[in-house]
């Protein structure tokens, strides 16, 4: 499985509109449901990086470090 381009565009749109809480919720749900089914490492890095950065923006540095690891 690979991440759908339409879903990625949706996340980037939320990101540009500074809807960080909604973006975080969407990425978290997708990550929990499909992370182990993803075939490409780039998709996993995309999800982990987005989660880490969203947590950092929301001042949750400990959780951000978890996703960076």
N, C-alpha and C. Protein backbone atom coordinates (compact mmCIF):
# COMPACT_ATOMS: atom_id res chain seq x y z
N UNK A 1 0.84 -1.18 0.00
CA UNK A 1 0.00 0.00 0.00
C UNK A 1 0.89 1.24 0.00
N UNK A 2 0.46 2.26 -0.70
CA UNK A 2 1.13 3.55 -0.70
C UNK A 2 0.10 4.63 -0.36
N UNK A 3 0.58 5.76 0.11
CA UNK A 3 -0.32 6.86 0.48
C UNK A 3 -0.89 7.49 -0.79
N UNK A 4 -2.17 7.72 -0.77
CA UNK A 4 -2.89 8.34 -1.88
C UNK A 4 -2.52 9.83 -2.00
N UNK A 5 -2.28 10.29 -3.21
CA UNK A 5 -1.90 11.68 -3.44
C UNK A 5 -2.97 12.67 -3.01
N UNK A 6 -4.24 12.30 -3.15
CA UNK A 6 -5.32 13.19 -2.74
C UNK A 6 -5.30 13.41 -1.23
N UNK A 7 -4.98 12.35 -0.49
CA UNK A 7 -4.91 12.48 0.97
C UNK A 7 -3.75 13.39 1.37
N UNK A 8 -2.63 13.25 0.69
CA UNK A 8 -1.47 14.11 0.98
C UNK A 8 -1.81 15.56 0.70
N UNK A 9 -2.49 15.83 -0.40
CA UNK A 9 -2.90 17.20 -0.73
C UNK A 9 -3.83 17.76 0.33
N UNK A 10 -4.71 16.91 0.86
CA UNK A 10 -5.62 17.34 1.93
C UNK A 10 -4.83 17.76 3.16
N UNK A 11 -3.82 16.99 3.51
CA UNK A 11 -2.99 17.31 4.68
C UNK A 11 -2.23 18.62 4.44
N UNK A 12 -1.65 18.78 3.26
CA UNK A 12 -0.94 20.01 2.95
C UNK A 12 -1.88 21.22 2.96
N UNK A 13 -3.11 21.04 2.50
CA UNK A 13 -4.10 22.13 2.53
C UNK A 13 -4.40 22.52 3.98
N UNK A 14 -4.60 21.53 4.84
CA UNK A 14 -4.84 21.82 6.26
C UNK A 14 -3.63 22.53 6.86
N UNK A 15 -2.45 22.09 6.47
CA UNK A 15 -1.20 22.67 6.97
C UNK A 15 -1.11 24.14 6.56
N UNK A 16 -1.39 24.44 5.30
CA UNK A 16 -1.32 25.82 4.81
C UNK A 16 -2.35 26.71 5.48
N UNK A 17 -3.50 26.15 5.80
CA UNK A 17 -4.55 26.91 6.47
C UNK A 17 -4.34 26.98 7.99
N UNK A 18 -3.23 26.44 8.45
CA UNK A 18 -2.85 26.40 9.87
C UNK A 18 -3.90 25.71 10.73
N UNK A 19 -4.51 24.70 10.18
CA UNK A 19 -5.47 23.86 10.90
C UNK A 19 -4.69 22.68 11.49
N UNK A 20 -3.78 22.97 12.40
CA UNK A 20 -2.84 21.97 12.90
C UNK A 20 -3.52 20.86 13.69
N UNK A 21 -4.51 21.20 14.47
CA UNK A 21 -5.21 20.17 15.26
C UNK A 21 -5.93 19.17 14.36
N UNK A 22 -6.58 19.68 13.33
CA UNK A 22 -7.29 18.80 12.40
C UNK A 22 -6.29 17.95 11.62
N UNK A 23 -5.20 18.57 11.17
CA UNK A 23 -4.17 17.83 10.43
C UNK A 23 -3.57 16.74 11.32
N UNK A 24 -3.32 17.07 12.57
CA UNK A 24 -2.77 16.09 13.50
C UNK A 24 -3.71 14.90 13.66
N UNK A 25 -4.98 15.19 13.82
CA UNK A 25 -5.97 14.13 13.99
C UNK A 25 -6.05 13.23 12.75
N UNK A 26 -6.03 13.84 11.57
CA UNK A 26 -6.09 13.08 10.32
C UNK A 26 -4.86 12.19 10.15
N UNK A 27 -3.68 12.77 10.38
CA UNK A 27 -2.44 12.01 10.22
C UNK A 27 -2.39 10.88 11.26
N UNK A 28 -2.79 11.18 12.49
CA UNK A 28 -2.75 10.16 13.54
C UNK A 28 -3.67 8.99 13.20
N UNK A 29 -4.88 9.29 12.76
CA UNK A 29 -5.82 8.22 12.39
C UNK A 29 -5.26 7.36 11.26
N UNK A 30 -4.73 8.02 10.24
CA UNK A 30 -4.18 7.30 9.10
C UNK A 30 -2.99 6.45 9.53
N UNK A 31 -2.13 7.04 10.37
CA UNK A 31 -0.94 6.32 10.84
C UNK A 31 -1.32 5.08 11.64
N UNK A 32 -2.28 5.22 12.51
CA UNK A 32 -2.69 4.08 13.34
C UNK A 32 -3.34 2.98 12.51
N UNK A 33 -4.04 3.35 11.48
CA UNK A 33 -4.76 2.37 10.68
C UNK A 33 -3.89 1.67 9.64
N UNK A 34 -2.96 2.41 9.01
CA UNK A 34 -2.26 1.87 7.85
C UNK A 34 -0.74 1.77 7.98
N UNK A 35 -0.15 2.20 9.07
CA UNK A 35 1.32 2.29 9.16
C UNK A 35 2.01 0.97 8.82
N UNK A 36 1.55 -0.13 9.37
CA UNK A 36 2.20 -1.42 9.12
C UNK A 36 1.90 -2.00 7.74
N UNK A 37 0.93 -1.42 7.05
CA UNK A 37 0.58 -1.89 5.71
C UNK A 37 1.32 -1.12 4.62
N UNK A 38 2.00 -0.03 4.98
CA UNK A 38 2.69 0.78 3.98
C UNK A 38 3.93 0.06 3.46
N UNK A 39 4.12 0.13 2.16
CA UNK A 39 5.23 -0.56 1.51
C UNK A 39 6.47 0.31 1.38
N UNK A 40 6.29 1.59 1.18
CA UNK A 40 7.42 2.49 0.95
C UNK A 40 7.86 3.16 2.25
N UNK A 41 9.17 3.19 2.47
CA UNK A 41 9.70 3.85 3.66
C UNK A 41 9.43 5.35 3.61
N UNK A 42 9.35 5.92 2.41
CA UNK A 42 9.08 7.35 2.27
C UNK A 42 7.72 7.72 2.85
N UNK A 43 6.75 6.83 2.72
CA UNK A 43 5.43 7.09 3.28
C UNK A 43 5.46 7.07 4.80
N UNK A 44 6.22 6.14 5.36
CA UNK A 44 6.34 6.08 6.82
C UNK A 44 7.06 7.30 7.36
N UNK A 45 8.10 7.74 6.65
CA UNK A 45 8.83 8.94 7.06
C UNK A 45 7.92 10.16 6.98
N UNK A 46 7.11 10.23 5.92
CA UNK A 46 6.17 11.35 5.78
C UNK A 46 5.25 11.43 6.99
N UNK A 47 4.68 10.30 7.38
CA UNK A 47 3.75 10.28 8.52
C UNK A 47 4.46 10.65 9.83
N UNK A 48 5.62 10.04 10.06
CA UNK A 48 6.34 10.31 11.31
C UNK A 48 6.81 11.76 11.39
N UNK A 49 7.30 12.28 10.27
CA UNK A 49 7.76 13.67 10.26
C UNK A 49 6.59 14.62 10.51
N UNK A 50 5.46 14.38 9.86
CA UNK A 50 4.30 15.25 10.07
C UNK A 50 3.84 15.21 11.52
N UNK A 51 3.77 14.02 12.09
CA UNK A 51 3.35 13.91 13.50
C UNK A 51 4.34 14.63 14.41
N UNK A 52 5.63 14.44 14.17
CA UNK A 52 6.65 15.08 15.01
C UNK A 52 6.55 16.60 14.91
N UNK A 53 6.43 17.10 13.70
CA UNK A 53 6.39 18.55 13.53
C UNK A 53 5.11 19.14 14.11
N UNK A 54 3.99 18.46 13.94
CA UNK A 54 2.74 18.95 14.52
C UNK A 54 2.82 18.98 16.04
N UNK A 55 3.41 17.96 16.62
CA UNK A 55 3.57 17.95 18.09
C UNK A 55 4.51 19.08 18.53
N UNK A 56 5.54 19.34 17.76
CA UNK A 56 6.47 20.42 18.10
C UNK A 56 5.77 21.77 18.04
N UNK A 57 4.96 21.98 17.01
CA UNK A 57 4.21 23.23 16.87
C UNK A 57 3.27 23.42 18.06
N UNK A 58 2.69 22.32 18.52
CA UNK A 58 1.74 22.38 19.63
C UNK A 58 2.41 22.30 20.99
N UNK A 59 3.74 22.45 21.00
CA UNK A 59 4.56 22.53 22.22
C UNK A 59 4.65 21.20 23.00
N UNK A 60 4.50 20.09 22.31
CA UNK A 60 4.65 18.77 22.93
C UNK A 60 6.00 18.18 22.50
N UNK A 61 7.07 18.71 23.06
CA UNK A 61 8.42 18.34 22.60
C UNK A 61 8.77 16.89 22.90
N UNK A 62 8.31 16.36 24.01
CA UNK A 62 8.61 14.97 24.33
C UNK A 62 7.98 14.00 23.31
N UNK A 63 6.76 14.27 22.94
CA UNK A 63 6.10 13.42 21.96
C UNK A 63 6.70 13.64 20.57
N UNK A 64 7.09 14.88 20.26
CA UNK A 64 7.76 15.15 18.98
C UNK A 64 9.05 14.33 18.88
N UNK A 65 9.80 14.27 19.95
CA UNK A 65 11.03 13.48 19.94
C UNK A 65 10.75 12.01 19.74
N UNK A 66 9.65 11.52 20.25
CA UNK A 66 9.26 10.12 20.04
C UNK A 66 9.09 9.83 18.55
N UNK A 67 8.41 10.71 17.85
CA UNK A 67 8.18 10.48 16.41
C UNK A 67 9.46 10.66 15.60
N UNK A 68 10.36 11.54 16.05
CA UNK A 68 11.63 11.70 15.34
C UNK A 68 12.52 10.48 15.47
N UNK A 69 12.36 9.73 16.54
CA UNK A 69 13.16 8.52 16.73
C UNK A 69 12.66 7.45 15.82
